Amino acid sequence: MALALDNLRVGRVYKLVNQGEVRKIEVMSRISGENFKVKDLDTLEHYTLYELLQWGKGKDYDLEEIR
């Protein structure tokens, strides 16, 4: 079962699955409400959570803490 976005914590690492993409992300900071600055641990790029979810949540959407 996917975590709600308001349960994310700065400094924690999560696995995000959405529309066939699997990403390991670390939450760097909270920008506003349910938007966070995150770091992709595979590519080391920085995104906002809004950018990763801007095309919607697919049927395979899952968000879980991994450490």
PDB file of N, CA and C in Angstrom:
ATOM      1  N   MET A   1       0.838  -1.170   0.000  1.00  0.00           N
ATOM      2  CA  MET A   1       0.000   0.000   0.000  1.00  0.00           C
ATOM      3  C   MET A   1       0.889   1.241   0.000  1.00  0.00           C
ATOM      4  N   ALA A   2       0.590   2.182  -0.845  1.00  0.00           N
ATOM      5  CA  ALA A   2       1.405   3.380  -1.016  1.00  0.00           C
ATOM      6  C   ALA A   2       1.246   4.344   0.162  1.00  0.00           C
ATOM      7  N   LEU A   3       2.348   4.980   0.525  1.00  0.00           N
ATOM      8  CA  LEU A   3       2.316   6.021   1.548  1.00  0.00           C
ATOM      9  C   LEU A   3       1.652   7.271   0.997  1.00  0.00           C
ATOM     10  N   ALA A   4       1.000   8.010   1.846  1.00  0.00           N
ATOM     11  CA  ALA A   4       0.460   9.311   1.456  1.00  0.00           C
ATOM     12  C   ALA A   4       1.617  10.301   1.382  1.00  0.00           C
ATOM     13  N   LEU A   5       1.521  11.265   0.480  1.00  0.00           N
ATOM     14  CA  LEU A   5       2.604  12.218   0.289  1.00  0.00           C
ATOM     15  C   LEU A   5       2.881  13.049   1.533  1.00  0.00           C
ATOM     16  N   ASP A   6       1.880  13.281   2.355  1.00  0.00           N
ATOM     17  CA  ASP A   6       2.116  14.068   3.563  1.00  0.00           C
ATOM     18  C   ASP A   6       2.832  13.269   4.660  1.00  0.00           C
ATOM     19  N   ASN A   7       3.094  11.983   4.419  1.00  0.00           N
ATOM     20  CA  ASN A   7       3.855  11.157   5.360  1.00  0.00           C
ATOM     21  C   ASN A   7       5.344  11.117   5.051  1.00  0.00           C
ATOM     22  N   LEU A   8       5.783  11.758   3.970  1.00  0.00           N
ATOM     23  CA  LEU A   8       7.200  11.762   3.621  1.00  0.00           C
ATOM     24  C   LEU A   8       7.985  12.597   4.615  1.00  0.00           C
ATOM     25  N   ARG A   9       9.213  12.177   4.891  1.00  0.00           N
ATOM     26  CA  ARG A   9      10.064  12.870   5.848  1.00  0.00           C
ATOM     27  C   ARG A   9      11.394  13.214   5.199  1.00  0.00           C
ATOM     28  N   VAL A  10      11.886  14.409   5.486  1.00  0.00           N
ATOM     29  CA  VAL A  10      13.167  14.876   4.951  1.00  0.00           C
ATOM     30  C   VAL A  10      14.280  13.965   5.462  1.00  0.00           C
ATOM     31  N   GLY A  11      15.182  13.569   4.550  1.00  0.00           N
ATOM     32  CA  GLY A  11      16.309  12.712   4.902  1.00  0.00           C
ATOM     33  C   GLY A  11      16.038  11.229   4.749  1.00  0.00           C
ATOM     34  N   ARG A  12      14.810  10.842   4.517  1.00  0.00           N
ATOM     35  CA  ARG A  12      14.470   9.429   4.359  1.00  0.00           C
ATOM     36  C   ARG A  12      14.540   9.019   2.891  1.00  0.00           C
ATOM     37  N   VAL A  13      14.702   7.712   2.647  1.00  0.00           N
ATOM     38  CA  VAL A  13      14.817   7.165   1.300  1.00  0.00           C
ATOM     39  C   VAL A  13      13.574   6.339   0.988  1.00  0.00           C
ATOM     40  N   TYR A  14      13.043   6.528  -0.214  1.00  0.00           N
ATOM     41  CA  TYR A  14      11.809   5.867  -0.630  1.00  0.00           C
ATOM     42  C   TYR A  14      11.975   5.238  -2.005  1.00  0.00           C
ATOM     43  N   LYS A  15      11.178   4.225  -2.262  1.00  0.00           N
ATOM     44  CA  LYS A  15      11.085   3.629  -3.597  1.00  0.00           C
ATOM     45  C   LYS A  15       9.774   4.101  -4.199  1.00  0.00           C
ATOM     46  N   LEU A  16       9.877   4.750  -5.361  1.00  0.00           N
ATOM     47  CA  LEU A  16       8.709   5.276  -6.057  1.00  0.00           C
ATOM     48  C   LEU A  16       8.528   4.495  -7.345  1.00  0.00           C
ATOM     49  N   VAL A  17       7.367   3.875  -7.501  1.00  0.00           N
ATOM     50  CA  VAL A  17       7.003   3.169  -8.730  1.00  0.00           C
ATOM     51  C   VAL A  17       5.822   3.913  -9.323  1.00  0.00           C
ATOM     52  N   ASN A  18       5.953   4.308 -10.591  1.00  0.00           N
ATOM     53  CA  ASN A  18       4.852   5.008 -11.248  1.00  0.00           C
ATOM     54  C   ASN A  18       4.997   4.864 -12.754  1.00  0.00           C
ATOM     55  N   GLN A  19       3.968   4.389 -13.381  1.00  0.00           N
ATOM     56  CA  GLN A  19       3.885   4.240 -14.826  1.00  0.00           C
ATOM     57  C   GLN A  19       5.103   3.516 -15.405  1.00  0.00           C
ATOM     58  N   GLY A  20       5.461   2.418 -14.767  1.00  0.00           N
ATOM     59  CA  GLY A  20       6.534   1.560 -15.259  1.00  0.00           C
ATOM     60  C   GLY A  20       7.938   1.984 -14.871  1.00  0.00           C
ATOM     61  N   GLU A  21       8.101   3.111 -14.214  1.00  0.00           N
ATOM     62  CA  GLU A  21       9.419   3.570 -13.786  1.00  0.00           C
ATOM     63  C   GLU A  21       9.593   3.292 -12.300  1.00  0.00           C
ATOM     64  N   VAL A  22      10.770   2.801 -11.938  1.00  0.00           N
ATOM     65  CA  VAL A  22      11.095   2.554 -10.540  1.00  0.00           C
ATOM     66  C   VAL A  22      12.258   3.468 -10.184  1.00  0.00           C
ATOM     67  N   ARG A  23      12.088   4.267  -9.153  1.00  0.00           N
ATOM     68  CA  ARG A  23      13.136   5.202  -8.723  1.00  0.00           C
ATOM     69  C   ARG A  23      13.348   5.079  -7.230  1.00  0.00           C
ATOM     70  N   LYS A  24      14.609   5.172  -6.816  1.00  0.00           N
ATOM     71  CA  LYS A  24      14.947   5.298  -5.406  1.00  0.00           C
ATOM     72  C   LYS A  24      15.223   6.774  -5.197  1.00  0.00           C
ATOM     73  N   ILE A  25      14.460   7.396  -4.304  1.00  0.00           N
ATOM     74  CA  ILE A  25      14.603   8.831  -4.091  1.00  0.00           C
ATOM     75  C   ILE A  25      14.868   9.131  -2.618  1.00  0.00           C
ATOM     76  N   GLU A  26      15.634  10.182  -2.385  1.00  0.00           N
ATOM     77  CA  GLU A  26      15.860  10.688  -1.045  1.00  0.00           C
ATOM     78  C   GLU A  26      15.213  12.060  -0.974  1.00  0.00           C
ATOM     79  N   VAL A  27      14.423  12.295   0.050  1.00  0.00           N
ATOM     80  CA  VAL A  27      13.759  13.579   0.214  1.00  0.00           C
ATOM     81  C   VAL A  27      14.771  14.567   0.796  1.00  0.00           C
ATOM     82  N   MET A  28      15.032  15.649   0.051  1.00  0.00           N
ATOM     83  CA  MET A  28      16.021  16.645   0.458  1.00  0.00           C
ATOM     84  C   MET A  28      15.392  17.772   1.272  1.00  0.00           C
ATOM     85  N   SER A  29      14.232  18.267   0.837  1.00  0.00           N
ATOM     86  CA  SER A  29      13.557  19.345   1.565  1.00  0.00           C
ATOM     87  C   SER A  29      12.100  19.407   1.147  1.00  0.00           C
ATOM     88  N   ARG A  30      11.310  20.029   1.995  1.00  0.00           N
ATOM     89  CA  ARG A  30       9.886  20.238   1.697  1.00  0.00           C
ATOM     90  C   ARG A  30       9.752  21.630   1.088  1.00  0.00           C
ATOM     91  N   ILE A  31       9.158  21.700  -0.107  1.00  0.00           N
ATOM     92  CA  ILE A  31       8.985  22.978  -0.779  1.00  0.00           C
ATOM     93  C   ILE A  31       7.670  23.615  -0.340  1.00  0.00           C
ATOM     94  N   SER A  32       6.613  22.841  -0.393  1.00  0.00           N
ATOM     95  CA  SER A  32       5.293  23.305   0.024  1.00  0.00           C
ATOM     96  C   SER A  32       4.396  22.096   0.186  1.00  0.00           C
ATOM     97  N   GLY A  33       3.294  22.258   0.887  1.00  0.00           N
ATOM     98  CA  GLY A  33       2.285  21.217   1.069  1.00  0.00           C
ATOM     99  C   GLY A  33       2.735  19.795   0.784  1.00  0.00           C
ATOM    100  N   GLU A  34       2.468  19.314  -0.417  1.00  0.00           N
ATOM    101  CA  GLU A  34       2.844  17.953  -0.805  1.00  0.00           C
ATOM    102  C   GLU A  34       3.924  17.943  -1.880  1.00  0.00           C
ATOM    103  N   ASN A  35       4.692  19.013  -1.997  1.00  0.00           N
ATOM    104  CA  ASN A  35       5.771  19.069  -2.973  1.00  0.00           C
ATOM    105  C   ASN A  35       7.113  19.074  -2.247  1.00  0.00           C
ATOM    106  N   PHE A  36       8.018  18.227  -2.699  1.00  0.00           N
ATOM    107  CA  PHE A  36       9.317  18.057  -2.065  1.00  0.00           C
ATOM    108  C   PHE A  36      10.416  18.132  -3.111  1.00  0.00           C
ATOM    109  N   LYS A  37      11.594  18.564  -2.689  1.00  0.00           N
ATOM    110  CA  LYS A  37      12.781  18.460  -3.534  1.00  0.00           C
ATOM    111  C   LYS A  37      13.370  17.088  -3.230  1.00  0.00           C
ATOM    112  N   VAL A  38      13.568  16.269  -4.270  1.00  0.00           N
ATOM    113  CA  VAL A  38      14.070  14.912  -4.075  1.00  0.00           C
ATOM    114  C   VAL A  38      15.303  14.680  -4.934  1.00  0.00           C
ATOM    115  N   LYS A  39      16.125  13.729  -4.505  1.00  0.00           N
ATOM    116  CA  LYS A  39      17.328  13.351  -5.228  1.00  0.00           C
ATOM    117  C   LYS A  39      17.169  11.911  -5.676  1.00  0.00           C
ATOM    118  N   ASP A  40      17.308  11.666  -6.973  1.00  0.00           N
ATOM    119  CA  ASP A  40      17.267  10.311  -7.518  1.00  0.00           C
ATOM    120  C   ASP A  40      18.596   9.645  -7.170  1.00  0.00           C
ATOM    121  N   LEU A  41      18.586   8.575  -6.416  1.00  0.00           N
ATOM    122  CA  LEU A  41      19.814   7.941  -5.949  1.00  0.00           C
ATOM    123  C   LEU A  41      20.525   7.133  -7.025  1.00  0.00           C
ATOM    124  N   ASP A  42      19.866   6.850  -8.143  1.00  0.00           N
ATOM    125  CA  ASP A  42      20.519   6.134  -9.238  1.00  0.00           C
ATOM    126  C   ASP A  42      21.259   7.088 -10.172  1.00  0.00           C
ATOM    127  N   THR A  43      20.649   8.243 -10.470  1.00  0.00           N
ATOM    128  CA  THR A  43      21.256   9.188 -11.409  1.00  0.00           C
ATOM    129  C   THR A  43      21.844  10.408 -10.716  1.00  0.00           C
ATOM    130  N   LEU A  44      21.554  10.599  -9.429  1.00  0.00           N
ATOM    131  CA  LEU A  44      21.993  11.742  -8.620  1.00  0.00           C
ATOM    132  C   LEU A  44      21.423  13.075  -9.103  1.00  0.00           C
ATOM    133  N   GLU A  45      20.367  13.022  -9.920  1.00  0.00           N
ATOM    134  CA  GLU A  45      19.694  14.246 -10.359  1.00  0.00           C
ATOM    135  C   GLU A  45      18.695  14.687  -9.295  1.00  0.00           C
ATOM    136  N   HIS A  46      18.413  15.979  -9.277  1.00  0.00           N
ATOM    137  CA  HIS A  46      17.422  16.540  -8.363  1.00  0.00           C
ATOM    138  C   HIS A  46      16.146  16.850  -9.131  1.00  0.00           C
ATOM    139  N   TYR A  47      15.021  16.535  -8.518  1.00  0.00           N
ATOM    140  CA  TYR A  47      13.705  16.786  -9.087  1.00  0.00           C
ATOM    141  C   TYR A  47      12.821  17.348  -7.983  1.00  0.00           C
ATOM    142  N   THR A  48      11.641  17.809  -8.388  1.00  0.00           N
ATOM    143  CA  THR A  48      10.595  18.026  -7.402  1.00  0.00           C
ATOM    144  C   THR A  48       9.650  16.841  -7.528  1.00  0.00           C
ATOM    145  N   LEU A  49       8.970  16.521  -6.470  1.00  0.00           N
ATOM    146  CA  LEU A  49       8.026  15.406  -6.522  1.00  0.00           C
ATOM    147  C   LEU A  49       6.920  15.706  -7.528  1.00  0.00           C
ATOM    148  N   TYR A  50       6.570  16.983  -7.655  1.00  0.00           N
ATOM    149  CA  TYR A  50       5.568  17.387  -8.643  1.00  0.00           C
ATOM    150  C   TYR A  50       6.008  16.978 -10.051  1.00  0.00           C
ATOM    151  N   GLU A  51       7.302  17.156 -10.378  1.00  0.00           N
ATOM    152  CA  GLU A  51       7.801  16.774 -11.702  1.00  0.00           C
ATOM    153  C   GLU A  51       7.655  15.275 -11.947  1.00  0.00           C
ATOM    154  N   LEU A  52       7.876  14.482 -10.928  1.00  0.00           N
ATOM    155  CA  LEU A  52       7.786  13.024 -11.090  1.00  0.00           C
ATOM    156  C   LEU A  52       6.346  12.534 -11.206  1.00  0.00           C
ATOM    157  N   LEU A  53       5.400  13.314 -10.663  1.00  0.00           N
ATOM    158  CA  LEU A  53       4.000  12.891 -10.678  1.00  0.00           C
ATOM    159  C   LEU A  53       3.128  13.763 -11.577  1.00  0.00           C
ATOM    160  N   GLN A  54       3.728  14.640 -12.372  1.00  0.00           N
ATOM    161  CA  GLN A  54       2.943  15.598 -13.155  1.00  0.00           C
ATOM    162  C   GLN A  54       2.045  14.942 -14.199  1.00  0.00           C
ATOM    163  N   TRP A  55       2.368  13.764 -14.648  1.00  0.00           N
ATOM    164  CA  TRP A  55       1.539  13.081 -15.656  1.00  0.00           C
ATOM    165  C   TRP A  55       0.527  12.146 -15.019  1.00  0.00           C
ATOM    166  N   GLY A  56       0.386  12.221 -13.703  1.00  0.00           N
ATOM    167  CA  GLY A  56      -0.612  11.420 -12.998  1.00  0.00           C
ATOM    168  C   GLY A  56      -0.017  10.187 -12.361  1.00  0.00           C
ATOM    169  N   LYS A  57      -0.835   9.526 -11.587  1.00  0.00           N
ATOM    170  CA  LYS A  57      -0.433   8.292 -10.921  1.00  0.00           C
ATOM    171  C   LYS A  57      -1.010   7.126 -11.710  1.00  0.00           C
ATOM    172  N   GLY A  58      -0.136   6.223 -12.154  1.00  0.00           N
ATOM    173  CA  GLY A  58      -0.569   5.066 -12.926  1.00  0.00           C
ATOM    174  C   GLY A  58      -1.146   3.965 -12.052  1.00  0.00           C
ATOM    175  N   LYS A  59      -1.600   2.906 -12.693  1.00  0.00           N
ATOM    176  CA  LYS A  59      -2.177   1.767 -11.969  1.00  0.00           C
ATOM    177  C   LYS A  59      -1.139   1.096 -11.075  1.00  0.00           C
ATOM    178  N   ASP A  60       0.145   1.219 -11.432  1.00  0.00           N
ATOM    179  CA  ASP A  60       1.210   0.579 -10.669  1.00  0.00           C
ATOM    180  C   ASP A  60       1.814   1.483  -9.601  1.00  0.00           C
ATOM    181  N   TYR A  61       1.220   2.642  -9.328  1.00  0.00           N
ATOM    182  CA  TYR A  61       1.770   3.610  -8.385  1.00  0.00           C
ATOM    183  C   TYR A  61       1.983   2.987  -7.008  1.00  0.00           C
ATOM    184  N   ASP A  62       3.204   3.161  -6.474  1.00  0.00           N
ATOM    185  CA  ASP A  62       3.522   2.708  -5.133  1.00  0.00           C
ATOM    186  C   ASP A  62       4.628   3.587  -4.581  1.00  0.00           C
ATOM    187  N   LEU A  63       4.570   3.880  -3.317  1.00  0.00           N
ATOM    188  CA  LEU A  63       5.581   4.684  -2.639  1.00  0.00           C
ATOM    189  C   LEU A  63       5.792   4.059  -1.281  1.00  0.00           C
ATOM    190  N   GLU A  64       7.037   3.602  -1.030  1.00  0.00           N
ATOM    191  CA  GLU A  64       7.320   2.961   0.253  1.00  0.00           C
ATOM    192  C   GLU A  64       8.716   3.331   0.733  1.00  0.00           C
ATOM    193  N   GLU A  65       8.874   3.403   2.032  1.00  0.00           N
ATOM    194  CA  GLU A  65      10.179   3.710   2.621  1.00  0.00           C
ATOM    195  C   GLU A  65      11.061   2.476   2.533  1.00  0.00           C
ATOM    196  N   ILE A  66      12.333   2.659   2.152  1.00  0.00           N
ATOM    197  CA  ILE A  66      13.214   1.500   2.028  1.00  0.00           C
ATOM    198  C   ILE A  66      14.340   1.481   3.058  1.00  0.00           C
ATOM    199  N   ARG A  67      14.600   2.591   3.737  1.00  0.00           N
ATOM    200  CA  ARG A  67      15.537   2.539   4.864  1.00  0.00           C
ATOM    201  C   ARG A  67      15.240   3.605   5.852  1.00  0.00           C
TER     202      ARG A  67
END
